[in-house]
Protein backbone atom coordinates (compact mmCIF):
# COMPACT_ATOMS: atom_id res chain seq x y z
CA UNK A 1 107.35 115.24 100.43
CA UNK A 2 107.14 114.36 104.13
CA UNK A 3 108.46 111.56 106.29
CA UNK A 4 105.99 110.56 109.00
CA UNK A 5 107.38 108.70 112.00
CA UNK A 6 104.52 107.22 114.01
CA UNK A 7 104.98 105.32 117.28
CA UNK A 8 101.93 103.21 118.13
CA UNK A 9 100.98 100.40 120.51
CA UNK A 10 101.56 96.87 119.22
CA UNK A 11 97.83 96.09 119.55
CA UNK A 12 97.00 98.92 117.10
CA UNK A 13 99.85 98.34 114.67
CA UNK A 14 98.57 95.51 112.45
CA UNK A 15 95.19 97.11 111.74
CA UNK A 16 96.85 100.47 111.12
CA UNK A 17 99.43 99.05 108.72
CA UNK A 18 96.73 97.19 106.77
CA UNK A 19 94.70 100.37 106.30
CA UNK A 20 97.78 102.41 105.38
CA UNK A 21 98.67 99.86 102.68
CA UNK A 22 95.05 99.66 101.48
CA UNK A 23 95.13 103.43 100.91
CA UNK A 24 98.28 103.06 98.74
CA UNK A 25 100.84 104.49 101.14
CA UNK A 26 104.24 102.85 101.56
CA UNK A 27 105.19 101.94 105.11
CA UNK A 28 108.12 100.38 106.95
CA UNK A 29 107.30 98.72 110.27
CA UNK A 30 109.85 98.39 113.09
CA UNK A 31 109.34 96.71 116.46
CA UNK A 32 110.45 99.00 119.28
CA UNK A 33 110.22 99.21 123.06
CA UNK A 34 110.16 102.17 125.35
CA UNK A 35 108.30 104.50 127.57
CA UNK A 36 107.31 104.46 131.20
CA UNK A 37 105.72 101.01 131.04
CA UNK A 38 108.47 99.49 128.86
CA UNK A 39 105.75 97.89 126.79
CA UNK A 40 106.07 96.83 123.17
CA UNK A 41 105.27 99.35 120.51
CA UNK A 42 105.75 99.71 116.79
CA UNK A 43 107.44 102.53 114.92
CA UNK A 44 106.20 103.19 111.40
CA UNK A 45 108.14 105.12 108.77
CA UNK A 46 105.85 106.47 106.07
CA UNK A 47 106.83 108.57 103.07
CA UNK A 48 103.94 110.73 101.89
CA UNK A 49 103.35 113.48 99.37
CA UNK A 50 102.44 116.86 100.86
CA UNK A 51 98.91 116.79 99.47
CA UNK A 52 98.11 113.44 101.22
CA UNK A 53 99.46 114.20 104.69
CA UNK A 54 96.02 115.02 106.16
CA UNK A 55 94.60 111.74 104.81
CA UNK A 56 97.41 109.77 106.46
CA UNK A 57 97.08 111.57 109.80
CA UNK A 58 93.34 110.84 109.81
CA UNK A 59 94.02 107.12 109.26
CA UNK A 60 96.43 107.12 112.20
CA UNK A 61 93.95 108.98 114.41
CA UNK A 62 91.10 106.59 113.50
CA UNK A 63 93.14 103.47 114.33
CA UNK A 64 95.09 104.48 117.45
CA UNK A 65 92.81 105.27 120.38
CA UNK A 66 93.84 105.66 124.01
CA UNK A 67 92.49 103.30 126.65
CA UNK A 68 92.96 102.81 130.40
CA UNK A 69 94.52 99.70 131.92
CA UNK A 70 95.47 98.75 135.45
CA UNK A 71 99.20 98.19 135.97
CA UNK A 72 100.85 97.05 139.16
CA UNK A 73 104.01 98.86 140.21
CA UNK A 74 106.44 98.05 143.02
CA UNK A 75 106.88 100.64 145.72
CA UNK A 76 110.35 101.83 146.68
CA UNK A 77 112.17 99.33 148.89
CA UNK A 78 112.68 100.87 152.34
CA UNK A 79 114.67 98.72 154.81
CA UNK A 80 112.36 97.17 157.36
CA UNK A 81 109.24 97.82 155.26
CA UNK A 82 107.29 95.27 153.26
CA UNK A 83 107.17 95.79 149.49
CA UNK A 84 103.51 95.98 148.54
CA UNK A 85 102.60 96.17 144.84
CA UNK A 86 100.35 99.12 144.09
CA UNK A 87 97.78 98.98 141.23
CA UNK A 88 97.41 102.21 139.25
CA UNK A 89 95.24 103.25 136.29
CA UNK A 90 97.35 104.21 133.27
CA UNK A 91 96.31 105.61 129.88
CA UNK A 92 97.93 103.75 127.01
CA UNK A 93 97.55 103.73 123.26
CA UNK A 94 97.16 106.59 120.87
CA UNK A 95 100.04 107.55 118.65
CA UNK A 96 103.05 109.82 118.78
CA UNK A 97 103.57 111.28 115.31
CA UNK A 98 106.48 113.27 113.90
CA UNK A 99 106.16 114.90 110.47
CA UNK A 100 109.48 115.82 108.86
CA UNK A 101 110.24 117.62 105.62
CA UNK A 102 112.18 115.54 103.10
CA UNK A 103 114.72 117.47 101.04
CA UNK A 104 115.44 114.68 98.60
CA UNK A 105 113.93 111.28 97.89
CA UNK A 106 115.19 108.54 95.54
CA UNK A 107 113.95 105.03 94.96
CA UNK A 108 116.40 102.54 93.43
């Protein structure tokens, strides 16, 4: 058995969770925040049998695509200089996935 920890963008999370449940996987959804942009994301905990791991990873890949957005960042404040916001293109989305071996699993 494996434990899959998947960190995805909030915009991808609902569709992904629906498909995971439709394919008879069990999933726990947690709201989290982090990363360079401090944007909302969702962390999913999914227990999966070894023979279904590829199926689950394919579902995650199909539902979590990267995209580019324009974000405005503040430049460093230098005394005597005006602070001018700078727009930059940033890739967001996709998924960060950790697959861990589970030594023991019990359901009560």
